[in-house]
Amino acid sequence: MTALFNRYELKDETELMNKIADKMLQLPWFKNIGNFNQETETKLVELLDELHVDQYKIQWIAKDMLTEKLNAISFGDSAVWKALKDLPTTYIEKIEQKEMEEAWNILLQDFQEHLFHVVFDKAYEQYQEEEELRYLIYNAHYVSIIITLAELAGDTDFADKLTQVQATGNVVVGFQGENLYLL
């Protein structure tokens, strides 16, 4: 287990923080980009069911289509985005109620910086163009932040389901209306 957070004096939260860090660092970020994977779809459907979203159509895109799709995606008119957009605020409120803000701040600042280096290296194995690299790094940070928030807030079912989607090595690129793009 990673001992990244043992130096902090957060008795009860340190073990959870290390568990979250381990989970993020062990994910095979971007490993299967460009490869269709039925398991990814299955895990994504389970996650969307958890969010009570039923208006979507999963579409796989080829690896060389990422830039084109990045220019086309829009979050505003997506049922998936509508289900996701308020989760950070909801989770932060729960974290505040549990008085775990310090753990959240440490994970947000210290760990995200550490994760950047891991994610960058994995993204660079797949793409060398700045636009694609930037997007994959942003995507990984967003996903890891949502997982972290869910874990700290106590929504381990959602955190586990989102982690399982990421563990397939594919990427949810974004949404355009009812279309949900996977890479």
N, C-alpha and C. Protein backbone atom coordinates (compact mmCIF):
# COMPACT_ATOMS: atom_id res chain seq x y z
N MET A 1 0.84 -1.19 0.00
CA MET A 1 0.00 0.00 0.00
C MET A 1 0.88 1.25 0.00
N THR A 2 0.47 2.22 -0.75
CA THR A 2 1.15 3.50 -0.78
C THR A 2 1.07 4.15 0.59
N ALA A 3 2.15 4.80 0.97
CA ALA A 3 2.17 5.48 2.27
C ALA A 3 2.35 6.98 2.05
N LEU A 4 1.78 7.48 0.99
CA LEU A 4 1.93 8.89 0.63
C LEU A 4 1.49 9.84 1.73
N PHE A 5 0.49 9.46 2.47
CA PHE A 5 -0.14 10.40 3.39
C PHE A 5 0.16 10.12 4.85
N ASN A 6 1.06 9.22 5.12
CA ASN A 6 1.38 8.89 6.52
C ASN A 6 2.00 10.07 7.26
N ARG A 7 2.57 11.02 6.54
CA ARG A 7 3.21 12.17 7.19
C ARG A 7 2.19 13.16 7.76
N TYR A 8 0.94 13.05 7.32
CA TYR A 8 -0.10 13.95 7.82
C TYR A 8 -0.70 13.38 9.10
N GLU A 9 -1.09 14.25 9.97
CA GLU A 9 -1.66 13.82 11.25
C GLU A 9 -3.19 13.82 11.17
N LEU A 10 -3.69 12.93 10.33
CA LEU A 10 -5.13 12.77 10.14
C LEU A 10 -5.51 11.35 10.50
N LYS A 11 -5.46 11.03 11.74
CA LYS A 11 -5.61 9.67 12.25
C LYS A 11 -6.52 8.77 11.40
N ASP A 12 -7.78 9.07 11.37
CA ASP A 12 -8.74 8.17 10.73
C ASP A 12 -8.71 8.23 9.20
N GLU A 13 -8.37 9.37 8.65
CA GLU A 13 -8.44 9.54 7.20
C GLU A 13 -7.22 9.02 6.46
N THR A 14 -6.08 8.87 7.13
CA THR A 14 -4.84 8.49 6.44
C THR A 14 -4.97 7.16 5.70
N GLU A 15 -5.56 6.17 6.33
CA GLU A 15 -5.71 4.87 5.68
C GLU A 15 -6.59 4.98 4.43
N LEU A 16 -7.69 5.71 4.53
CA LEU A 16 -8.58 5.90 3.39
C LEU A 16 -7.86 6.68 2.28
N MET A 17 -7.12 7.69 2.65
CA MET A 17 -6.40 8.48 1.65
C MET A 17 -5.38 7.62 0.91
N ASN A 18 -4.64 6.78 1.64
CA ASN A 18 -3.68 5.89 1.00
C ASN A 18 -4.39 4.88 0.09
N LYS A 19 -5.55 4.41 0.51
CA LYS A 19 -6.33 3.46 -0.30
C LYS A 19 -6.76 4.12 -1.62
N ILE A 20 -7.22 5.35 -1.53
CA ILE A 20 -7.64 6.08 -2.73
C ILE A 20 -6.45 6.28 -3.66
N ALA A 21 -5.31 6.68 -3.10
CA ALA A 21 -4.11 6.90 -3.91
C ALA A 21 -3.69 5.60 -4.59
N ASP A 22 -3.69 4.50 -3.85
CA ASP A 22 -3.34 3.21 -4.44
C ASP A 22 -4.26 2.87 -5.61
N LYS A 23 -5.54 3.07 -5.39
CA LYS A 23 -6.52 2.76 -6.43
C LYS A 23 -6.23 3.55 -7.70
N MET A 24 -5.95 4.83 -7.57
CA MET A 24 -5.70 5.67 -8.74
C MET A 24 -4.38 5.31 -9.43
N LEU A 25 -3.37 5.03 -8.64
CA LEU A 25 -2.04 4.74 -9.20
C LEU A 25 -1.98 3.37 -9.88
N GLN A 26 -2.86 2.47 -9.50
CA GLN A 26 -2.86 1.13 -10.08
C GLN A 26 -3.74 1.00 -11.32
N LEU A 27 -4.48 2.03 -11.65
CA LEU A 27 -5.33 1.96 -12.84
C LEU A 27 -4.45 1.93 -14.10
N PRO A 28 -4.87 1.14 -15.09
CA PRO A 28 -4.12 1.09 -16.35
C PRO A 28 -4.53 2.22 -17.28
N TRP A 29 -4.25 3.44 -16.87
CA TRP A 29 -4.69 4.63 -17.62
C TRP A 29 -4.38 4.49 -19.11
N PHE A 30 -5.42 4.56 -19.92
CA PHE A 30 -5.33 4.64 -21.38
C PHE A 30 -4.77 3.40 -22.07
N LYS A 31 -4.60 2.33 -21.37
CA LYS A 31 -3.94 1.14 -21.91
C LYS A 31 -4.65 0.58 -23.15
N ASN A 32 -5.98 0.65 -23.17
CA ASN A 32 -6.74 0.04 -24.27
C ASN A 32 -7.35 1.05 -25.23
N ILE A 33 -6.81 2.24 -25.25
CA ILE A 33 -7.35 3.26 -26.16
C ILE A 33 -7.36 2.72 -27.59
N GLY A 34 -8.49 2.92 -28.25
CA GLY A 34 -8.61 2.51 -29.64
C GLY A 34 -9.03 1.06 -29.83
N ASN A 35 -9.21 0.33 -28.73
CA ASN A 35 -9.61 -1.07 -28.80
C ASN A 35 -11.00 -1.26 -28.21
N PHE A 36 -11.90 -1.81 -29.01
CA PHE A 36 -13.24 -2.11 -28.52
C PHE A 36 -13.13 -3.12 -27.39
N ASN A 37 -13.90 -2.89 -26.33
CA ASN A 37 -13.86 -3.78 -25.17
C ASN A 37 -15.28 -3.88 -24.62
N GLN A 38 -15.89 -5.04 -24.76
CA GLN A 38 -17.26 -5.24 -24.28
C GLN A 38 -17.36 -5.02 -22.77
N GLU A 39 -16.32 -5.36 -22.05
CA GLU A 39 -16.33 -5.17 -20.60
C GLU A 39 -16.48 -3.68 -20.25
N THR A 40 -15.85 -2.82 -21.04
CA THR A 40 -15.99 -1.38 -20.79
C THR A 40 -17.44 -0.96 -20.93
N GLU A 41 -18.07 -1.41 -22.00
CA GLU A 41 -19.49 -1.07 -22.20
C GLU A 41 -20.34 -1.58 -21.04
N THR A 42 -20.11 -2.81 -20.64
CA THR A 42 -20.89 -3.42 -19.55
C THR A 42 -20.72 -2.61 -18.26
N LYS A 43 -19.48 -2.27 -17.93
CA LYS A 43 -19.21 -1.49 -16.71
C LYS A 43 -19.80 -0.09 -16.82
N LEU A 44 -19.75 0.49 -18.01
CA LEU A 44 -20.31 1.83 -18.20
C LEU A 44 -21.83 1.80 -18.06
N VAL A 45 -22.47 0.80 -18.59
CA VAL A 45 -23.93 0.66 -18.45
C VAL A 45 -24.30 0.53 -16.97
N GLU A 46 -23.52 -0.24 -16.21
CA GLU A 46 -23.77 -0.37 -14.77
C GLU A 46 -23.64 0.99 -14.07
N LEU A 47 -22.63 1.75 -14.45
CA LEU A 47 -22.43 3.07 -13.88
C LEU A 47 -23.59 4.00 -14.22
N LEU A 48 -24.03 3.98 -15.48
CA LEU A 48 -25.14 4.82 -15.89
C LEU A 48 -26.44 4.41 -15.21
N ASP A 49 -26.62 3.13 -14.98
CA ASP A 49 -27.79 2.66 -14.22
C ASP A 49 -27.75 3.22 -12.80
N GLU A 50 -26.57 3.25 -12.20
CA GLU A 50 -26.40 3.81 -10.86
C GLU A 50 -26.81 5.28 -10.83
N LEU A 51 -26.58 5.97 -11.95
CA LEU A 51 -26.93 7.39 -12.06
C LEU A 51 -28.38 7.60 -12.53
N HIS A 52 -29.08 6.51 -12.81
CA HIS A 52 -30.46 6.55 -13.30
C HIS A 52 -30.55 7.26 -14.65
N VAL A 53 -29.58 7.02 -15.49
CA VAL A 53 -29.56 7.58 -16.84
C VAL A 53 -29.92 6.47 -17.82
N ASP A 54 -30.92 6.75 -18.65
CA ASP A 54 -31.29 5.75 -19.65
C ASP A 54 -31.35 6.32 -21.06
N GLN A 55 -30.99 7.57 -21.21
CA GLN A 55 -30.99 8.20 -22.54
C GLN A 55 -29.56 8.39 -23.01
N TYR A 56 -29.03 7.37 -23.68
CA TYR A 56 -27.69 7.45 -24.22
C TYR A 56 -27.50 6.38 -25.28
N LYS A 57 -26.54 6.62 -26.12
CA LYS A 57 -26.15 5.65 -27.14
C LYS A 57 -24.63 5.61 -27.12
N ILE A 58 -24.07 4.46 -26.80
CA ILE A 58 -22.62 4.32 -26.74
C ILE A 58 -22.06 4.15 -28.14
N GLN A 59 -21.06 4.96 -28.45
CA GLN A 59 -20.38 4.86 -29.75
C GLN A 59 -18.88 4.80 -29.52
N TRP A 60 -18.26 3.81 -30.12
CA TRP A 60 -16.80 3.69 -30.05
C TRP A 60 -16.19 4.52 -31.17
N ILE A 61 -15.09 5.18 -30.87
CA ILE A 61 -14.39 5.93 -31.90
C ILE A 61 -12.98 5.36 -32.06
N ALA A 62 -12.46 5.51 -33.25
CA ALA A 62 -11.10 5.05 -33.53
C ALA A 62 -10.10 6.01 -32.87
N LYS A 63 -8.93 5.50 -32.60
CA LYS A 63 -7.89 6.28 -31.93
C LYS A 63 -7.58 7.57 -32.68
N ASP A 64 -7.59 7.51 -34.00
CA ASP A 64 -7.25 8.71 -34.78
C ASP A 64 -8.42 9.69 -34.93
N MET A 65 -9.54 9.40 -34.28
CA MET A 65 -10.72 10.28 -34.34
C MET A 65 -10.85 11.17 -33.10
N LEU A 66 -9.92 11.07 -32.17
CA LEU A 66 -10.06 11.80 -30.91
C LEU A 66 -10.17 13.30 -31.13
N THR A 67 -9.27 13.89 -31.89
CA THR A 67 -9.30 15.34 -32.10
C THR A 67 -10.62 15.78 -32.72
N GLU A 68 -11.09 15.04 -33.70
CA GLU A 68 -12.37 15.38 -34.34
C GLU A 68 -13.51 15.35 -33.34
N LYS A 69 -13.56 14.35 -32.48
CA LYS A 69 -14.64 14.24 -31.49
C LYS A 69 -14.51 15.32 -30.41
N LEU A 70 -13.28 15.66 -30.05
CA LEU A 70 -13.09 16.72 -29.06
C LEU A 70 -13.71 18.03 -29.54
N ASN A 71 -13.65 18.26 -30.83
CA ASN A 71 -14.22 19.48 -31.40
C ASN A 71 -15.74 19.42 -31.50
N ALA A 72 -16.31 18.22 -31.37
CA ALA A 72 -17.75 18.05 -31.54
C ALA A 72 -18.51 17.89 -30.23
N ILE A 73 -17.84 17.46 -29.17
CA ILE A 73 -18.57 17.15 -27.95
C ILE A 73 -19.12 18.41 -27.28
N SER A 74 -20.26 18.22 -26.66
CA SER A 74 -20.89 19.30 -25.89
C SER A 74 -21.60 18.64 -24.72
N PHE A 75 -21.42 19.20 -23.55
CA PHE A 75 -21.96 18.56 -22.36
C PHE A 75 -23.38 18.99 -22.04
N GLY A 76 -23.76 20.19 -22.39
CA GLY A 76 -25.02 20.78 -21.95
C GLY A 76 -26.27 20.01 -22.26
N ASP A 77 -26.34 19.38 -23.42
CA ASP A 77 -27.58 18.71 -23.82
C ASP A 77 -27.54 17.20 -23.59
N SER A 78 -26.68 16.75 -22.70
CA SER A 78 -26.51 15.33 -22.45
C SER A 78 -27.16 14.91 -21.13
N ALA A 79 -27.95 13.85 -21.17
CA ALA A 79 -28.55 13.31 -19.94
C ALA A 79 -27.48 12.81 -19.00
N VAL A 80 -26.40 12.29 -19.55
CA VAL A 80 -25.30 11.80 -18.72
C VAL A 80 -24.68 12.97 -17.96
N TRP A 81 -24.40 14.06 -18.67
CA TRP A 81 -23.80 15.22 -18.01
C TRP A 81 -24.75 15.81 -16.96
N LYS A 82 -26.02 15.84 -17.26
CA LYS A 82 -26.98 16.35 -16.28
C LYS A 82 -26.95 15.53 -14.99
N ALA A 83 -26.71 14.23 -15.11
CA ALA A 83 -26.63 13.37 -13.92
C ALA A 83 -25.30 13.56 -13.19
N LEU A 84 -24.25 13.92 -13.91
CA LEU A 84 -22.92 14.04 -13.31
C LEU A 84 -22.59 15.42 -12.76
N LYS A 85 -23.12 16.46 -13.36
CA LYS A 85 -22.63 17.81 -13.10
C LYS A 85 -22.74 18.28 -11.64
N ASP A 86 -23.72 17.81 -10.91
CA ASP A 86 -23.88 18.25 -9.52
C ASP A 86 -23.22 17.33 -8.50
N LEU A 87 -22.67 16.21 -8.96
CA LEU A 87 -22.05 15.27 -8.03
C LEU A 87 -20.92 15.90 -7.21
N PRO A 88 -20.01 16.67 -7.81
CA PRO A 88 -18.94 17.25 -6.99
C PRO A 88 -19.47 18.09 -5.82
N THR A 89 -20.44 18.93 -6.08
CA THR A 89 -21.00 19.77 -5.03
C THR A 89 -21.66 18.92 -3.94
N THR A 90 -22.42 17.94 -4.36
CA THR A 90 -23.08 17.04 -3.40
C THR A 90 -22.06 16.32 -2.54
N TYR A 91 -21.01 15.81 -3.17
CA TYR A 91 -19.98 15.09 -2.42
C TYR A 91 -19.21 16.02 -1.49
N ILE A 92 -18.90 17.21 -1.93
CA ILE A 92 -18.18 18.16 -1.08
C ILE A 92 -19.01 18.50 0.16
N GLU A 93 -20.31 18.67 -0.02
CA GLU A 93 -21.18 18.93 1.13
C GLU A 93 -21.14 17.77 2.12
N LYS A 94 -21.14 16.54 1.62
CA LYS A 94 -21.06 15.38 2.51
C LYS A 94 -19.71 15.31 3.21
N ILE A 95 -18.66 15.64 2.50
CA ILE A 95 -17.31 15.65 3.08
C ILE A 95 -17.23 16.70 4.19
N GLU A 96 -17.84 17.84 3.96
CA GLU A 96 -17.85 18.89 5.00
C GLU A 96 -18.64 18.43 6.21
N GLN A 97 -19.76 17.74 6.00
CA GLN A 97 -20.55 17.22 7.12
C GLN A 97 -19.75 16.20 7.93
N LYS A 98 -18.90 15.44 7.26
CA LYS A 98 -18.07 14.44 7.93
C LYS A 98 -16.77 15.05 8.48
N GLU A 99 -16.61 16.35 8.27
CA GLU A 99 -15.42 17.08 8.71
C GLU A 99 -14.14 16.46 8.17
N MET A 100 -14.16 16.20 6.86
CA MET A 100 -13.00 15.61 6.19
C MET A 100 -12.41 16.55 5.15
N GLU A 101 -12.62 17.85 5.32
CA GLU A 101 -12.13 18.81 4.34
C GLU A 101 -10.62 18.79 4.21
N GLU A 102 -9.91 18.59 5.31
CA GLU A 102 -8.45 18.58 5.24
C GLU A 102 -7.97 17.42 4.37
N ALA A 103 -8.56 16.26 4.54
CA ALA A 103 -8.20 15.11 3.71
C ALA A 103 -8.48 15.41 2.24
N TRP A 104 -9.62 16.00 1.97
CA TRP A 104 -9.98 16.36 0.59
C TRP A 104 -8.97 17.34 0.02
N ASN A 105 -8.61 18.37 0.77
CA ASN A 105 -7.65 19.36 0.28
C ASN A 105 -6.28 18.76 0.00
N ILE A 106 -5.85 17.86 0.85
CA ILE A 106 -4.55 17.20 0.64
C ILE A 106 -4.60 16.33 -0.62
N LEU A 107 -5.68 15.56 -0.75
CA LEU A 107 -5.81 14.72 -1.94
C LEU A 107 -5.91 15.56 -3.21
N LEU A 108 -6.61 16.67 -3.13
CA LEU A 108 -6.77 17.52 -4.30
C LEU A 108 -5.45 18.16 -4.70
N GLN A 109 -4.70 18.64 -3.74
CA GLN A 109 -3.46 19.35 -4.07
C GLN A 109 -2.28 18.40 -4.23
N ASP A 110 -1.91 17.71 -3.18
CA ASP A 110 -0.70 16.89 -3.21
C ASP A 110 -0.82 15.69 -4.14
N PHE A 111 -1.90 14.97 -4.03
CA PHE A 111 -2.00 13.74 -4.81
C PHE A 111 -2.21 14.03 -6.28
N GLN A 112 -3.00 15.01 -6.64
CA GLN A 112 -3.23 15.29 -8.05
C GLN A 112 -1.92 15.66 -8.75
N GLU A 113 -1.05 16.34 -8.04
CA GLU A 113 0.27 16.65 -8.62
C GLU A 113 1.06 15.36 -8.87
N HIS A 114 1.01 14.46 -7.92
CA HIS A 114 1.70 13.17 -8.06
C HIS A 114 1.09 12.36 -9.22
N LEU A 115 -0.23 12.34 -9.27
CA LEU A 115 -0.93 11.58 -10.31
C LEU A 115 -0.63 12.14 -11.70
N PHE A 116 -0.44 13.43 -11.81
CA PHE A 116 -0.17 14.05 -13.10
C PHE A 116 0.98 13.34 -13.81
N HIS A 117 2.04 13.07 -13.12
CA HIS A 117 3.22 12.47 -13.74
C HIS A 117 2.92 11.06 -14.26
N VAL A 118 2.17 10.29 -13.50
CA VAL A 118 1.79 8.95 -13.92
C VAL A 118 0.90 9.02 -15.16
N VAL A 119 -0.10 9.88 -15.10
CA VAL A 119 -1.07 10.00 -16.18
C VAL A 119 -0.40 10.55 -17.44
N PHE A 120 0.46 11.53 -17.29
CA PHE A 120 1.15 12.10 -18.45
C PHE A 120 1.94 11.02 -19.18
N ASP A 121 2.70 10.24 -18.44
CA ASP A 121 3.50 9.18 -19.07
C ASP A 121 2.62 8.20 -19.83
N LYS A 122 1.50 7.81 -19.23
CA LYS A 122 0.59 6.86 -19.88
C LYS A 122 -0.07 7.48 -21.11
N ALA A 123 -0.46 8.74 -21.01
CA ALA A 123 -1.07 9.42 -22.15
C ALA A 123 -0.08 9.58 -23.30
N TYR A 124 1.16 9.87 -22.96
CA TYR A 124 2.20 10.07 -23.98
C TYR A 124 2.50 8.77 -24.74
N GLU A 125 2.26 7.63 -24.11
CA GLU A 125 2.42 6.36 -24.82
C GLU A 125 1.40 6.23 -25.95
N GLN A 126 0.28 6.94 -25.83
CA GLN A 126 -0.79 6.83 -26.82
C GLN A 126 -0.81 7.98 -27.83
N TYR A 127 -0.50 9.17 -27.37
CA TYR A 127 -0.56 10.37 -28.21
C TYR A 127 0.63 11.27 -27.89
N GLN A 128 1.10 11.98 -28.93
CA GLN A 128 2.17 12.93 -28.70
C GLN A 128 1.74 14.37 -28.99
N GLU A 129 0.58 14.52 -29.60
CA GLU A 129 0.08 15.86 -29.91
C GLU A 129 -0.47 16.52 -28.65
N GLU A 130 -0.22 17.80 -28.52
CA GLU A 130 -0.58 18.53 -27.30
C GLU A 130 -2.07 18.48 -27.00
N GLU A 131 -2.91 18.65 -28.00
CA GLU A 131 -4.36 18.68 -27.75
C GLU A 131 -4.86 17.37 -27.15
N GLU A 132 -4.43 16.26 -27.72
CA GLU A 132 -4.85 14.95 -27.21
C GLU A 132 -4.28 14.70 -25.82
N LEU A 133 -2.99 15.02 -25.63
CA LEU A 133 -2.37 14.85 -24.32
C LEU A 133 -3.10 15.64 -23.25
N ARG A 134 -3.33 16.91 -23.55
CA ARG A 134 -4.01 17.78 -22.59
C ARG A 134 -5.38 17.22 -22.22
N TYR A 135 -6.12 16.75 -23.25
CA TYR A 135 -7.45 16.23 -22.97
C TYR A 135 -7.39 14.98 -22.10
N LEU A 136 -6.52 14.04 -22.43
CA LEU A 136 -6.44 12.80 -21.66
C LEU A 136 -6.03 13.07 -20.22
N ILE A 137 -5.11 13.99 -20.02
CA ILE A 137 -4.69 14.34 -18.66
C ILE A 137 -5.84 14.99 -17.91
N TYR A 138 -6.53 15.92 -18.54
CA TYR A 138 -7.69 16.56 -17.93
C TYR A 138 -8.75 15.51 -17.57
N ASN A 139 -9.02 14.62 -18.52
CA ASN A 139 -10.02 13.58 -18.32
C ASN A 139 -9.65 12.71 -17.11
N ALA A 140 -8.40 12.28 -17.03
CA ALA A 140 -7.96 11.43 -15.93
C ALA A 140 -8.07 12.16 -14.59
N HIS A 141 -7.70 13.44 -14.58
CA HIS A 141 -7.81 14.19 -13.33
C HIS A 141 -9.26 14.36 -12.92
N TYR A 142 -10.13 14.66 -13.87
CA TYR A 142 -11.56 14.80 -13.54
C TYR A 142 -12.09 13.49 -12.95
N VAL A 143 -11.81 12.39 -13.61
CA VAL A 143 -12.30 11.08 -13.15
C VAL A 143 -11.73 10.77 -11.76
N SER A 144 -10.45 11.01 -11.58
CA SER A 144 -9.84 10.70 -10.27
C SER A 144 -10.41 11.59 -9.17
N ILE A 145 -10.72 12.82 -9.49
CA ILE A 145 -11.32 13.72 -8.51
C ILE A 145 -12.72 13.24 -8.13
N ILE A 146 -13.49 12.83 -9.11
CA ILE A 146 -14.85 12.33 -8.82
C ILE A 146 -14.77 11.06 -7.96
N ILE A 147 -13.85 10.16 -8.30
CA ILE A 147 -13.69 8.94 -7.50
C ILE A 147 -13.28 9.30 -6.07
N THR A 148 -12.34 10.22 -5.94
CA THR A 148 -11.87 10.64 -4.63
C THR A 148 -13.01 11.26 -3.82
N LEU A 149 -13.75 12.16 -4.42
CA LEU A 149 -14.88 12.78 -3.73
C LEU A 149 -15.89 11.74 -3.29
N ALA A 150 -16.23 10.80 -4.19
CA ALA A 150 -17.21 9.77 -3.85
C ALA A 150 -16.72 8.91 -2.69
N GLU A 151 -15.45 8.54 -2.72
CA GLU A 151 -14.88 7.73 -1.63
C GLU A 151 -14.96 8.48 -0.30
N LEU A 152 -14.50 9.72 -0.29
CA LEU A 152 -14.50 10.49 0.95
C LEU A 152 -15.92 10.76 1.45
N ALA A 153 -16.85 10.92 0.53
CA ALA A 153 -18.24 11.18 0.91
C ALA A 153 -18.97 9.91 1.36
N GLY A 154 -18.35 8.77 1.13
CA GLY A 154 -18.96 7.51 1.54
C GLY A 154 -19.78 6.81 0.48
N ASP A 155 -19.75 7.31 -0.76
CA ASP A 155 -20.48 6.68 -1.85
C ASP A 155 -19.55 5.69 -2.56
N THR A 156 -19.22 4.62 -1.84
CA THR A 156 -18.25 3.67 -2.37
C THR A 156 -18.79 2.88 -3.56
N ASP A 157 -20.10 2.67 -3.64
CA ASP A 157 -20.66 1.97 -4.80
C ASP A 157 -20.37 2.73 -6.09
N PHE A 158 -20.65 4.02 -6.07
CA PHE A 158 -20.39 4.82 -7.27
C PHE A 158 -18.89 4.87 -7.56
N ALA A 159 -18.08 5.10 -6.53
CA ALA A 159 -16.63 5.15 -6.72
C ALA A 159 -16.11 3.85 -7.32
N ASP A 160 -16.61 2.74 -6.83
CA ASP A 160 -16.18 1.44 -7.35
C ASP A 160 -16.60 1.24 -8.80
N LYS A 161 -17.81 1.63 -9.13
CA LYS A 161 -18.28 1.47 -10.51
C LYS A 161 -17.49 2.34 -11.48
N LEU A 162 -17.20 3.58 -11.09
CA LEU A 162 -16.41 4.46 -11.95
C LEU A 162 -14.98 3.93 -12.06
N THR A 163 -14.44 3.43 -10.98
CA THR A 163 -13.10 2.84 -11.01
C THR A 163 -13.06 1.64 -11.95
N GLN A 164 -14.11 0.83 -11.92
CA GLN A 164 -14.16 -0.35 -12.80
C GLN A 164 -14.20 0.04 -14.27
N VAL A 165 -14.88 1.13 -14.59
CA VAL A 165 -14.87 1.62 -15.97
C VAL A 165 -13.44 2.02 -16.35
N GLN A 166 -12.78 2.77 -15.49
CA GLN A 166 -11.41 3.21 -15.78
C GLN A 166 -10.44 2.04 -15.83
N ALA A 167 -10.71 1.00 -15.05
CA ALA A 167 -9.81 -0.15 -14.99
C ALA A 167 -9.76 -0.93 -16.29
N THR A 168 -10.68 -0.68 -17.20
CA THR A 168 -10.65 -1.37 -18.49
C THR A 168 -9.60 -0.77 -19.42
N GLY A 169 -9.10 0.41 -19.09
CA GLY A 169 -8.06 1.03 -19.92
C GLY A 169 -8.60 1.83 -21.10
N ASN A 170 -9.92 1.92 -21.22
CA ASN A 170 -10.54 2.76 -22.24
C ASN A 170 -10.88 4.11 -21.63
N VAL A 171 -11.39 5.02 -22.45
CA VAL A 171 -11.69 6.37 -21.99
C VAL A 171 -13.07 6.78 -22.47
N VAL A 172 -13.86 7.33 -21.55
CA VAL A 172 -15.10 7.99 -21.93
C VAL A 172 -14.68 9.38 -22.40
N VAL A 173 -14.82 9.63 -23.69
CA VAL A 173 -14.33 10.88 -24.27
C VAL A 173 -15.26 12.04 -23.95
N GLY A 174 -16.55 11.81 -24.09
CA GLY A 174 -17.50 12.88 -23.84
C GLY A 174 -18.84 12.58 -24.46
N PHE A 175 -19.67 13.60 -24.54
CA PHE A 175 -21.05 13.43 -24.95
C PHE A 175 -21.39 14.45 -26.04
N GLN A 176 -22.32 14.07 -26.86
CA GLN A 176 -22.93 14.96 -27.84
C GLN A 176 -24.37 14.52 -27.96
N GLY A 177 -25.25 15.26 -27.31
CA GLY A 177 -26.64 14.83 -27.24
C GLY A 177 -26.72 13.50 -26.52
N GLU A 178 -27.35 12.51 -27.15
CA GLU A 178 -27.48 11.19 -26.55
C GLU A 178 -26.26 10.30 -26.81
N ASN A 179 -25.36 10.75 -27.65
CA ASN A 179 -24.18 9.96 -27.98
C ASN A 179 -23.12 10.09 -26.88
N LEU A 180 -22.64 8.96 -26.46
CA LEU A 180 -21.58 8.89 -25.46
C LEU A 180 -20.41 8.18 -26.15
N TYR A 181 -19.29 8.90 -26.29
CA TYR A 181 -18.16 8.38 -27.06
C TYR A 181 -17.13 7.69 -26.19
N LEU A 182 -16.76 6.50 -26.60
CA LEU A 182 -15.71 5.72 -25.93
C LEU A 182 -14.52 5.56 -26.86
N LEU A 183 -13.37 5.55 -26.25
CA LEU A 183 -12.13 5.40 -27.00
C LEU A 183 -11.35 4.25 -26.38
